Amino acid sequence: MSQENVIKQLQENLKIIYHKAVDADKQLELLRQQEKAGFVQIFTGDSAFKNHSSTFLPYVEELAADLQEIQTDNEEHYKTLLPAIVVKIELLFKTLSSFKINLKD
């Protein structure tokens, strides 16, 4: 798969994650109003993310910034950042999915 196709696929994943994150953050706000969400951050300090937040959108913004950064002409930069971006996408998909499932319980 070419670098261009990979980036396109990553951007598609980012769009999906963004919409899921907006929905999840709305649910988190409702839970906080009901005092049912008392955690400080979504991901632990040793996760792939630099951000620490009690909502999903800051993590999505970090991912978007990484994706923007990977779109340089520097192939070494691309190869270095790509694995971290994939890990972040997987983490967000898994966590958003778990969050949605747990809301139904």
PDB file of N, CA and C in Angstrom:
ATOM      1  N   MET A   1       0.851  -1.179   0.000  1.00  0.00           N
ATOM      2  CA  MET A   1       0.000   0.000   0.000  1.00  0.00           C
ATOM      3  C   MET A   1       0.898   1.244   0.000  1.00  0.00           C
ATOM      4  N   SER A   2       0.602   2.166  -0.856  1.00  0.00           N
ATOM      5  CA  SER A   2       1.430   3.365  -0.964  1.00  0.00           C
ATOM      6  C   SER A   2       1.227   4.268   0.253  1.00  0.00           C
ATOM      7  N   GLN A   3       2.188   5.143   0.458  1.00  0.00           N
ATOM      8  CA  GLN A   3       2.122   6.088   1.576  1.00  0.00           C
ATOM      9  C   GLN A   3       0.861   6.943   1.481  1.00  0.00           C
ATOM     10  N   GLU A   4       0.519   7.341   0.271  1.00  0.00           N
ATOM     11  CA  GLU A   4      -0.677   8.162   0.051  1.00  0.00           C
ATOM     12  C   GLU A   4      -1.950   7.415   0.453  1.00  0.00           C
ATOM     13  N   ASN A   5      -2.028   6.127   0.093  1.00  0.00           N
ATOM     14  CA  ASN A   5      -3.197   5.312   0.445  1.00  0.00           C
ATOM     15  C   ASN A   5      -3.288   5.084   1.955  1.00  0.00           C
ATOM     16  N   VAL A   6      -2.138   4.882   2.576  1.00  0.00           N
ATOM     17  CA  VAL A   6      -2.105   4.680   4.026  1.00  0.00           C
ATOM     18  C   VAL A   6      -2.632   5.929   4.725  1.00  0.00           C
ATOM     19  N   ILE A   7      -2.159   7.076   4.301  1.00  0.00           N
ATOM     20  CA  ILE A   7      -2.594   8.342   4.903  1.00  0.00           C
ATOM     21  C   ILE A   7      -4.096   8.539   4.706  1.00  0.00           C
ATOM     22  N   LYS A   8      -4.573   8.204   3.514  1.00  0.00           N
ATOM     23  CA  LYS A   8      -6.007   8.320   3.225  1.00  0.00           C
ATOM     24  C   LYS A   8      -6.811   7.428   4.184  1.00  0.00           C
ATOM     25  N   GLN A   9      -6.352   6.205   4.387  1.00  0.00           N
ATOM     26  CA  GLN A   9      -7.019   5.269   5.289  1.00  0.00           C
ATOM     27  C   GLN A   9      -6.991   5.788   6.734  1.00  0.00           C
ATOM     28  N   LEU A  10      -5.857   6.337   7.140  1.00  0.00           N
ATOM     29  CA  LEU A  10      -5.733   6.896   8.486  1.00  0.00           C
ATOM     30  C   LEU A  10      -6.711   8.061   8.671  1.00  0.00           C
ATOM     31  N   GLN A  11      -6.851   8.885   7.639  1.00  0.00           N
ATOM     32  CA  GLN A  11      -7.775  10.017   7.703  1.00  0.00           C
ATOM     33  C   GLN A  11      -9.222   9.535   7.830  1.00  0.00           C
ATOM     34  N   GLU A  12      -9.549   8.461   7.129  1.00  0.00           N
ATOM     35  CA  GLU A  12     -10.903   7.890   7.236  1.00  0.00           C
ATOM     36  C   GLU A  12     -11.162   7.397   8.657  1.00  0.00           C
ATOM     37  N   ASN A  13     -10.170   6.721   9.231  1.00  0.00           N
ATOM     38  CA  ASN A  13     -10.292   6.249  10.611  1.00  0.00           C
ATOM     39  C   ASN A  13     -10.461   7.420  11.566  1.00  0.00           C
ATOM     40  N   LEU A  14      -9.724   8.483  11.327  1.00  0.00           N
ATOM     41  CA  LEU A  14      -9.810   9.668  12.175  1.00  0.00           C
ATOM     42  C   LEU A  14     -11.214  10.270  12.148  1.00  0.00           C
ATOM     43  N   LYS A  15     -11.825  10.310  10.973  1.00  0.00           N
ATOM     44  CA  LYS A  15     -13.197  10.839  10.854  1.00  0.00           C
ATOM     45  C   LYS A  15     -14.175  10.008  11.686  1.00  0.00           C
ATOM     46  N   ILE A  16     -14.055   8.696  11.582  1.00  0.00           N
ATOM     47  CA  ILE A  16     -14.928   7.794  12.344  1.00  0.00           C
ATOM     48  C   ILE A  16     -14.719   8.010  13.842  1.00  0.00           C
ATOM     49  N   ILE A  17     -13.454   8.057  14.242  1.00  0.00           N
ATOM     50  CA  ILE A  17     -13.119   8.249  15.654  1.00  0.00           C
ATOM     51  C   ILE A  17     -13.652   9.592  16.153  1.00  0.00           C
ATOM     52  N   TYR A  18     -13.519  10.625  15.329  1.00  0.00           N
ATOM     53  CA  TYR A  18     -13.982  11.951  15.735  1.00  0.00           C
ATOM     54  C   TYR A  18     -15.474  11.924  16.081  1.00  0.00           C
ATOM     55  N   HIS A  19     -16.276  11.329  15.209  1.00  0.00           N
ATOM     56  CA  HIS A  19     -17.723  11.283  15.450  1.00  0.00           C
ATOM     57  C   HIS A  19     -18.054  10.463  16.693  1.00  0.00           C
ATOM     58  N   LYS A  20     -17.358   9.349  16.876  1.00  0.00           N
ATOM     59  CA  LYS A  20     -17.574   8.524  18.067  1.00  0.00           C
ATOM     60  C   LYS A  20     -17.165   9.293  19.324  1.00  0.00           C
ATOM     61  N   ALA A  21     -16.081  10.064  19.233  1.00  0.00           N
ATOM     62  CA  ALA A  21     -15.585  10.821  20.384  1.00  0.00           C
ATOM     63  C   ALA A  21     -16.556  11.932  20.777  1.00  0.00           C
ATOM     64  N   VAL A  22     -17.125  12.609  19.791  1.00  0.00           N
ATOM     65  CA  VAL A  22     -18.109  13.663  20.072  1.00  0.00           C
ATOM     66  C   VAL A  22     -19.298  13.064  20.823  1.00  0.00           C
ATOM     67  N   ASP A  23     -19.788  11.925  20.340  1.00  0.00           N
ATOM     68  CA  ASP A  23     -20.916  11.251  21.004  1.00  0.00           C
ATOM     69  C   ASP A  23     -20.533  10.808  22.421  1.00  0.00           C
ATOM     70  N   ALA A  24     -19.346  10.231  22.563  1.00  0.00           N
ATOM     71  CA  ALA A  24     -18.897   9.749  23.868  1.00  0.00           C
ATOM     72  C   ALA A  24     -18.731  10.906  24.849  1.00  0.00           C
ATOM     73  N   ASP A  25     -18.194  12.024  24.378  1.00  0.00           N
ATOM     74  CA  ASP A  25     -18.015  13.178  25.266  1.00  0.00           C
ATOM     75  C   ASP A  25     -19.351  13.734  25.737  1.00  0.00           C
ATOM     76  N   LYS A  26     -20.369  13.678  24.875  1.00  0.00           N
ATOM     77  CA  LYS A  26     -21.710  14.109  25.289  1.00  0.00           C
ATOM     78  C   LYS A  26     -22.227  13.194  26.402  1.00  0.00           C
ATOM     79  N   GLN A  27     -22.005  11.890  26.239  1.00  0.00           N
ATOM     80  CA  GLN A  27     -22.423  10.926  27.264  1.00  0.00           C
ATOM     81  C   GLN A  27     -21.655  11.139  28.560  1.00  0.00           C
ATOM     82  N   LEU A  28     -20.357  11.413  28.437  1.00  0.00           N
ATOM     83  CA  LEU A  28     -19.547  11.671  29.631  1.00  0.00           C
ATOM     84  C   LEU A  28     -20.062  12.889  30.388  1.00  0.00           C
ATOM     85  N   GLU A  29     -20.458  13.915  29.660  1.00  0.00           N
ATOM     86  CA  GLU A  29     -20.988  15.123  30.282  1.00  0.00           C
ATOM     87  C   GLU A  29     -22.262  14.795  31.071  1.00  0.00           C
ATOM     88  N   LEU A  30     -23.134  13.972  30.481  1.00  0.00           N
ATOM     89  CA  LEU A  30     -24.355  13.557  31.186  1.00  0.00           C
ATOM     90  C   LEU A  30     -24.012  12.756  32.440  1.00  0.00           C
ATOM     91  N   LEU A  31     -23.056  11.858  32.325  1.00  0.00           N
ATOM     92  CA  LEU A  31     -22.648  11.049  33.480  1.00  0.00           C
ATOM     93  C   LEU A  31     -22.060  11.922  34.588  1.00  0.00           C
ATOM     94  N   ARG A  32     -21.291  12.930  34.196  1.00  0.00           N
ATOM     95  CA  ARG A  32     -20.710  13.839  35.192  1.00  0.00           C
ATOM     96  C   ARG A  32     -21.806  14.646  35.898  1.00  0.00           C
ATOM     97  N   GLN A  33     -22.811  15.046  35.137  1.00  0.00           N
ATOM     98  CA  GLN A  33     -23.923  15.784  35.742  1.00  0.00           C
ATOM     99  C   GLN A  33     -24.656  14.915  36.764  1.00  0.00           C
ATOM    100  N   GLN A  34     -24.661  13.607  36.506  1.00  0.00           N
ATOM    101  CA  GLN A  34     -25.298  12.657  37.430  1.00  0.00           C
ATOM    102  C   GLN A  34     -24.296  12.146  38.470  1.00  0.00           C
ATOM    103  N   GLU A  35     -23.084  12.692  38.420  1.00  0.00           N
ATOM    104  CA  GLU A  35     -21.981  12.305  39.316  1.00  0.00           C
ATOM    105  C   GLU A  35     -21.663  10.815  39.221  1.00  0.00           C
ATOM    106  N   LYS A  36     -21.670  10.306  37.983  1.00  0.00           N
ATOM    107  CA  LYS A  36     -21.352   8.891  37.737  1.00  0.00           C
ATOM    108  C   LYS A  36     -20.031   8.712  36.996  1.00  0.00           C
ATOM    109  N   ALA A  37     -19.323   9.811  36.735  1.00  0.00           N
ATOM    110  CA  ALA A  37     -18.038   9.722  36.028  1.00  0.00           C
ATOM    111  C   ALA A  37     -17.019  10.547  36.798  1.00  0.00           C
ATOM    112  N   GLY A  38     -16.315   9.902  37.709  1.00  0.00           N
ATOM    113  CA  GLY A  38     -15.396  10.635  38.570  1.00  0.00           C
ATOM    114  C   GLY A  38     -13.935  10.482  38.228  1.00  0.00           C
ATOM    115  N   PHE A  39     -13.617   9.945  37.053  1.00  0.00           N
ATOM    116  CA  PHE A  39     -12.215   9.738  36.705  1.00  0.00           C
ATOM    117  C   PHE A  39     -11.581  11.027  36.184  1.00  0.00           C
ATOM    118  N   VAL A  40     -10.253  11.093  36.291  1.00  0.00           N
ATOM    119  CA  VAL A  40      -9.520  12.298  35.912  1.00  0.00           C
ATOM    120  C   VAL A  40      -9.081  12.266  34.453  1.00  0.00           C
ATOM    121  N   GLN A  41      -8.698  11.087  33.973  1.00  0.00           N
ATOM    122  CA  GLN A  41      -8.269  10.979  32.578  1.00  0.00           C
ATOM    123  C   GLN A  41      -8.694   9.644  31.996  1.00  0.00           C
ATOM    124  N   ILE A  42      -8.851   9.627  30.684  1.00  0.00           N
ATOM    125  CA  ILE A  42      -9.334   8.428  30.009  1.00  0.00           C
ATOM    126  C   ILE A  42      -8.229   7.388  29.880  1.00  0.00           C
ATOM    127  N   PHE A  43      -7.047   7.835  29.451  1.00  0.00           N
ATOM    128  CA  PHE A  43      -5.919   6.913  29.291  1.00  0.00           C
ATOM    129  C   PHE A  43      -4.897   7.143  30.396  1.00  0.00           C
ATOM    130  N   THR A  44      -4.223   6.084  30.785  1.00  0.00           N
ATOM    131  CA  THR A  44      -3.193   6.200  31.826  1.00  0.00           C
ATOM    132  C   THR A  44      -2.012   7.007  31.312  1.00  0.00           C
ATOM    133  N   GLY A  45      -1.212   7.473  32.226  1.00  0.00           N
ATOM    134  CA  GLY A  45      -0.055   8.291  31.888  1.00  0.00           C
ATOM    135  C   GLY A  45       0.956   7.578  31.010  1.00  0.00           C
ATOM    136  N   ASP A  46       0.970   6.254  31.047  1.00  0.00           N
ATOM    137  CA  ASP A  46       1.948   5.508  30.245  1.00  0.00           C
ATOM    138  C   ASP A  46       1.376   5.057  28.894  1.00  0.00           C
ATOM    139  N   SER A  47       0.246   5.614  28.500  1.00  0.00           N
ATOM    140  CA  SER A  47      -0.324   5.259  27.195  1.00  0.00           C
ATOM    141  C   SER A  47       0.467   5.945  26.082  1.00  0.00           C
ATOM    142  N   ALA A  48       0.067   5.697  24.859  1.00  0.00           N
ATOM    143  CA  ALA A  48       0.758   6.268  23.694  1.00  0.00           C
ATOM    144  C   ALA A  48       0.516   7.776  23.562  1.00  0.00           C
ATOM    145  N   PHE A  49      -0.453   8.301  24.311  1.00  0.00           N
ATOM    146  CA  PHE A  49      -0.821   9.714  24.172  1.00  0.00           C
ATOM    147  C   PHE A  49      -0.008  10.623  25.083  1.00  0.00           C
ATOM    148  N   LYS A  50       0.276  11.818  24.586  1.00  0.00           N
ATOM    149  CA  LYS A  50       0.925  12.847  25.399  1.00  0.00           C
ATOM    150  C   LYS A  50      -0.120  13.583  26.220  1.00  0.00           C
ATOM    151  N   ASN A  51      -1.307  13.766  25.642  1.00  0.00           N
ATOM    152  CA  ASN A  51      -2.405  14.445  26.331  1.00  0.00           C
ATOM    153  C   ASN A  51      -2.932  13.607  27.488  1.00  0.00           C
ATOM    154  N   HIS A  52      -3.489  14.289  28.467  1.00  0.00           N
ATOM    155  CA  HIS A  52      -4.205  13.634  29.563  1.00  0.00           C
ATOM    156  C   HIS A  52      -5.486  14.420  29.748  1.00  0.00           C
ATOM    157  N   SER A  53      -6.612  13.759  29.532  1.00  0.00           N
ATOM    158  CA  SER A  53      -7.887  14.461  29.564  1.00  0.00           C
ATOM    159  C   SER A  53      -8.994  13.539  30.063  1.00  0.00           C
ATOM    160  N   SER A  54     -10.038  14.150  30.589  1.00  0.00           N
ATOM    161  CA  SER A  54     -11.199  13.380  31.037  1.00  0.00           C
ATOM    162  C   SER A  54     -12.252  13.283  29.942  1.00  0.00           C
ATOM    163  N   THR A  55     -11.922  13.795  28.745  1.00  0.00           N
ATOM    164  CA  THR A  55     -12.801  13.662  27.582  1.00  0.00           C
ATOM    165  C   THR A  55     -11.991  13.111  26.407  1.00  0.00           C
ATOM    166  N   PHE A  56     -12.681  12.679  25.382  1.00  0.00           N
ATOM    167  CA  PHE A  56     -12.008  12.040  24.249  1.00  0.00           C
ATOM    168  C   PHE A  56     -11.428  13.014  23.223  1.00  0.00           C
ATOM    169  N   LEU A  57     -12.063  14.157  23.019  1.00  0.00           N
ATOM    170  CA  LEU A  57     -11.640  15.047  21.924  1.00  0.00           C
ATOM    171  C   LEU A  57     -10.184  15.507  21.983  1.00  0.00           C
ATOM    172  N   PRO A  58      -9.613  15.800  23.154  1.00  0.00           N
ATOM    173  CA  PRO A  58      -8.191  16.170  23.157  1.00  0.00           C
ATOM    174  C   PRO A  58      -7.281  15.067  22.593  1.00  0.00           C
ATOM    175  N   TYR A  59      -7.653  13.820  22.818  1.00  0.00           N
ATOM    176  CA  TYR A  59      -6.884  12.705  22.259  1.00  0.00           C
ATOM    177  C   TYR A  59      -7.042  12.652  20.737  1.00  0.00           C
ATOM    178  N   VAL A  60      -8.254  12.925  20.273  1.00  0.00           N
ATOM    179  CA  VAL A  60      -8.509  12.951  18.831  1.00  0.00           C
ATOM    180  C   VAL A  60      -7.726  14.096  18.185  1.00  0.00           C
ATOM    181  N   GLU A  61      -7.679  15.236  18.868  1.00  0.00           N
ATOM    182  CA  GLU A  61      -6.908  16.376  18.353  1.00  0.00           C
ATOM    183  C   GLU A  61      -5.426  16.045  18.259  1.00  0.00           C
ATOM    184  N   GLU A  62      -4.904  15.326  19.259  1.00  0.00           N
ATOM    185  CA  GLU A  62      -3.502  14.909  19.221  1.00  0.00           C
ATOM    186  C   GLU A  62      -3.260  13.980  18.030  1.00  0.00           C
ATOM    187  N   LEU A  63      -4.170  13.049  17.825  1.00  0.00           N
ATOM    188  CA  LEU A  63      -4.069  12.132  16.691  1.00  0.00           C
ATOM    189  C   LEU A  63      -4.107  12.892  15.371  1.00  0.00           C
ATOM    190  N   ALA A  64      -4.987  13.875  15.268  1.00  0.00           N
ATOM    191  CA  ALA A  64      -5.087  14.693  14.049  1.00  0.00           C
ATOM    192  C   ALA A  64      -3.785  15.453  13.806  1.00  0.00           C
ATOM    193  N   ALA A  65      -3.177  15.969  14.864  1.00  0.00           N
ATOM    194  CA  ALA A  65      -1.905  16.688  14.737  1.00  0.00           C
ATOM    195  C   ALA A  65      -0.803  15.736  14.263  1.00  0.00           C
ATOM    196  N   ASP A  66      -0.795  14.527  14.814  1.00  0.00           N
ATOM    197  CA  ASP A  66       0.183  13.514  14.375  1.00  0.00           C
ATOM    198  C   ASP A  66      -0.007  13.194  12.898  1.00  0.00           C
ATOM    199  N   LEU A  67      -1.253  13.069  12.502  1.00  0.00           N
ATOM    200  CA  LEU A  67      -1.572  12.749  11.108  1.00  0.00           C
ATOM    201  C   LEU A  67      -1.131  13.882  10.182  1.00  0.00           C
ATOM    202  N   GLN A  68      -1.304  15.099  10.634  1.00  0.00           N
ATOM    203  CA  GLN A  68      -0.849  16.258   9.868  1.00  0.00           C
ATOM    204  C   GLN A  68       0.681  16.233   9.735  1.00  0.00           C
ATOM    205  N   GLU A  69       1.327  15.890  10.823  1.00  0.00           N
ATOM    206  CA  GLU A  69       2.793  15.871  10.856  1.00  0.00           C
ATOM    207  C   GLU A  69       3.378  14.776   9.956  1.00  0.00           C
ATOM    208  N   ILE A  70       2.669  13.664   9.849  1.00  0.00           N
ATOM    209  CA  ILE A  70       3.166  12.531   9.063  1.00  0.00           C
ATOM    210  C   ILE A  70       3.140  12.833   7.558  1.00  0.00           C
ATOM    211  N   GLN A  71       2.370  13.843   7.158  1.00  0.00           N
ATOM    212  CA  GLN A  71       2.203  14.155   5.741  1.00  0.00           C
ATOM    213  C   GLN A  71       3.294  15.100   5.231  1.00  0.00           C
ATOM    214  N   THR A  72       4.522  14.786   5.586  1.00  0.00           N
ATOM    215  CA  THR A  72       5.655  15.573   5.094  1.00  0.00           C
ATOM    216  C   THR A  72       6.332  14.787   3.979  1.00  0.00           C
ATOM    217  N   ASP A  73       7.301  15.417   3.355  1.00  0.00           N
ATOM    218  CA  ASP A  73       8.055  14.724   2.304  1.00  0.00           C
ATOM    219  C   ASP A  73       9.128  13.813   2.891  1.00  0.00           C
ATOM    220  N   ASN A  74       9.316  13.888   4.193  1.00  0.00           N
ATOM    221  CA  ASN A  74      10.369  13.141   4.859  1.00  0.00           C
ATOM    222  C   ASN A  74       9.900  11.712   5.159  1.00  0.00           C
ATOM    223  N   GLU A  75      10.412  10.757   4.402  1.00  0.00           N
ATOM    224  CA  GLU A  75       9.973   9.366   4.562  1.00  0.00           C
ATOM    225  C   GLU A  75      10.400   8.783   5.907  1.00  0.00           C
ATOM    226  N   GLU A  76      11.536   9.216   6.419  1.00  0.00           N
ATOM    227  CA  GLU A  76      12.024   8.744   7.720  1.00  0.00           C
ATOM    228  C   GLU A  76      11.037   9.168   8.811  1.00  0.00           C
ATOM    229  N   HIS A  77      10.563  10.385   8.714  1.00  0.00           N
ATOM    230  CA  HIS A  77       9.588  10.927   9.662  1.00  0.00           C
ATOM    231  C   HIS A  77       8.304  10.092   9.603  1.00  0.00           C
ATOM    232  N   TYR A  78       7.879   9.769   8.412  1.00  0.00           N
ATOM    233  CA  TYR A  78       6.690   8.950   8.186  1.00  0.00           C
ATOM    234  C   TYR A  78       6.856   7.590   8.859  1.00  0.00           C
ATOM    235  N   LYS A  79       7.988   6.949   8.608  1.00  0.00           N
ATOM    236  CA  LYS A  79       8.239   5.609   9.163  1.00  0.00           C
ATOM    237  C   LYS A  79       8.317   5.633  10.687  1.00  0.00           C
ATOM    238  N   THR A  80       8.799   6.719  11.240  1.00  0.00           N
ATOM    239  CA  THR A  80       8.920   6.838  12.689  1.00  0.00           C
ATOM    240  C   THR A  80       7.562   7.053  13.351  1.00  0.00           C
ATOM    241  N   LEU A  81       6.744   7.904  12.772  1.00  0.00           N
ATOM    242  CA  LEU A  81       5.456   8.258  13.378  1.00  0.00           C
ATOM    243  C   LEU A  81       4.337   7.244  13.126  1.00  0.00           C
ATOM    244  N   LEU A  82       4.389   6.550  12.011  1.00  0.00           N
ATOM    245  CA  LEU A  82       3.290   5.654  11.627  1.00  0.00           C
ATOM    246  C   LEU A  82       2.918   4.631  12.709  1.00  0.00           C
ATOM    247  N   PRO A  83       3.882   3.914  13.288  1.00  0.00           N
ATOM    248  CA  PRO A  83       3.491   2.925  14.312  1.00  0.00           C
ATOM    249  C   PRO A  83       2.763   3.555  15.507  1.00  0.00           C
ATOM    250  N   ALA A  84       3.201   4.729  15.938  1.00  0.00           N
ATOM    251  CA  ALA A  84       2.556   5.400  17.072  1.00  0.00           C
ATOM    252  C   ALA A  84       1.131   5.819  16.715  1.00  0.00           C
ATOM    253  N   ILE A  85       0.939   6.272  15.497  1.00  0.00           N
ATOM    254  CA  ILE A  85      -0.399   6.684  15.048  1.00  0.00           C
ATOM    255  C   ILE A  85      -1.338   5.477  15.025  1.00  0.00           C
ATOM    256  N   VAL A  86      -0.849   4.361  14.535  1.00  0.00           N
ATOM    257  CA  VAL A  86      -1.669   3.143  14.474  1.00  0.00           C
ATOM    258  C   VAL A  86      -2.062   2.700  15.886  1.00  0.00           C
ATOM    259  N   VAL A  87      -1.117   2.768  16.819  1.00  0.00           N
ATOM    260  CA  VAL A  87      -1.400   2.400  18.214  1.00  0.00           C
ATOM    261  C   VAL A  87      -2.476   3.321  18.799  1.00  0.00           C
ATOM    262  N   LYS A  88      -2.365   4.617  18.534  1.00  0.00           N
ATOM    263  CA  LYS A  88      -3.353   5.574  19.046  1.00  0.00           C
ATOM    264  C   LYS A  88      -4.738   5.314  18.458  1.00  0.00           C
ATOM    265  N   ILE A  89      -4.788   5.012  17.171  1.00  0.00           N
ATOM    266  CA  ILE A  89      -6.071   4.713  16.530  1.00  0.00           C
ATOM    267  C   ILE A  89      -6.696   3.470  17.167  1.00  0.00           C
ATOM    268  N   GLU A  90      -5.888   2.433  17.362  1.00  0.00           N
ATOM    269  CA  GLU A  90      -6.401   1.205  17.980  1.00  0.00           C
ATOM    270  C   GLU A  90      -6.903   1.474  19.392  1.00  0.00           C
ATOM    271  N   LEU A  91      -6.136   2.231  20.167  1.00  0.00           N
ATOM    272  CA  LEU A  91      -6.526   2.554  21.534  1.00  0.00           C
ATOM    273  C   LEU A  91      -7.862   3.303  21.566  1.00  0.00           C
ATOM    274  N   LEU A  92      -7.983   4.283  20.697  1.00  0.00           N
ATOM    275  CA  LEU A  92      -9.228   5.058  20.660  1.00  0.00           C
ATOM    276  C   LEU A  92     -10.410   4.197  20.233  1.00  0.00           C
ATOM    277  N   PHE A  93     -10.243   3.397  19.192  1.00  0.00           N
ATOM    278  CA  PHE A  93     -11.345   2.535  18.745  1.00  0.00           C
ATOM    279  C   PHE A  93     -11.772   1.582  19.870  1.00  0.00           C
ATOM    280  N   LYS A  94     -10.794   0.918  20.502  1.00  0.00           N
ATOM    281  CA  LYS A  94     -11.110  -0.043  21.568  1.00  0.00           C
ATOM    282  C   LYS A  94     -11.797   0.635  22.743  1.00  0.00           C
ATOM    283  N   THR A  95     -11.261   1.771  23.159  1.00  0.00           N
ATOM    284  CA  THR A  95     -11.796   2.453  24.334  1.00  0.00           C
ATOM    285  C   THR A  95     -13.183   3.028  24.058  1.00  0.00           C
ATOM    286  N   LEU A  96     -13.358   3.632  22.889  1.00  0.00           N
ATOM    287  CA  LEU A  96     -14.678   4.158  22.537  1.00  0.00           C
ATOM    288  C   LEU A  96     -15.707   3.041  22.428  1.00  0.00           C
ATOM    289  N   SER A  97     -15.305   1.919  21.875  1.00  0.00           N
ATOM    290  CA  SER A  97     -16.194   0.778  21.752  1.00  0.00           C
ATOM    291  C   SER A  97     -16.571   0.235  23.137  1.00  0.00           C
ATOM    292  N   SER A  98     -15.585   0.079  24.010  1.00  0.00           N
ATOM    293  CA  SER A  98     -15.845  -0.403  25.375  1.00  0.00           C
ATOM    294  C   SER A  98     -16.755   0.554  26.127  1.00  0.00           C
ATOM    295  N   PHE A  99     -16.506   1.842  25.948  1.00  0.00           N
ATOM    296  CA  PHE A  99     -17.322   2.858  26.608  1.00  0.00           C
ATOM    297  C   PHE A  99     -18.784   2.726  26.179  1.00  0.00           C
ATOM    298  N   LYS A 100     -18.993   2.578  24.877  1.00  0.00           N
ATOM    299  CA  LYS A 100     -20.360   2.463  24.350  1.00  0.00           C
ATOM    300  C   LYS A 100     -21.043   1.198  24.884  1.00  0.00           C
ATOM    301  N   ILE A 101     -20.312   0.096  24.917  1.00  0.00           N
ATOM    302  CA  ILE A 101     -20.860  -1.169  25.421  1.00  0.00           C
ATOM    303  C   ILE A 101     -21.212  -1.039  26.898  1.00  0.00           C
ATOM    304  N   ASN A 102     -20.337  -0.412  27.683  1.00  0.00           N
ATOM    305  CA  ASN A 102     -20.580  -0.260  29.111  1.00  0.00           C
ATOM    306  C   ASN A 102     -21.743   0.662  29.420  1.00  0.00           C
ATOM    307  N   LEU A 103     -22.020   1.599  28.537  1.00  0.00           N
ATOM    308  CA  LEU A 103     -23.171   2.479  28.733  1.00  0.00           C
ATOM    309  C   LEU A 103     -24.473   1.715  28.636  1.00  0.00           C
ATOM    310  N   LYS A 104     -24.488   0.653  27.827  1.00  0.00           N
ATOM    311  CA  LYS A 104     -25.705  -0.137  27.629  1.00  0.00           C
ATOM    312  C   LYS A 104     -26.019  -1.015  28.840  1.00  0.00           C
ATOM    313  N   ASP A 105     -24.968  -1.351  29.606  1.00  0.00           N
ATOM    314  CA  ASP A 105     -25.162  -2.243  30.766  1.00  0.00           C
ATOM    315  C   ASP A 105     -25.936  -1.583  31.901  1.00  0.00           C
TER     316      ASP A 105
END
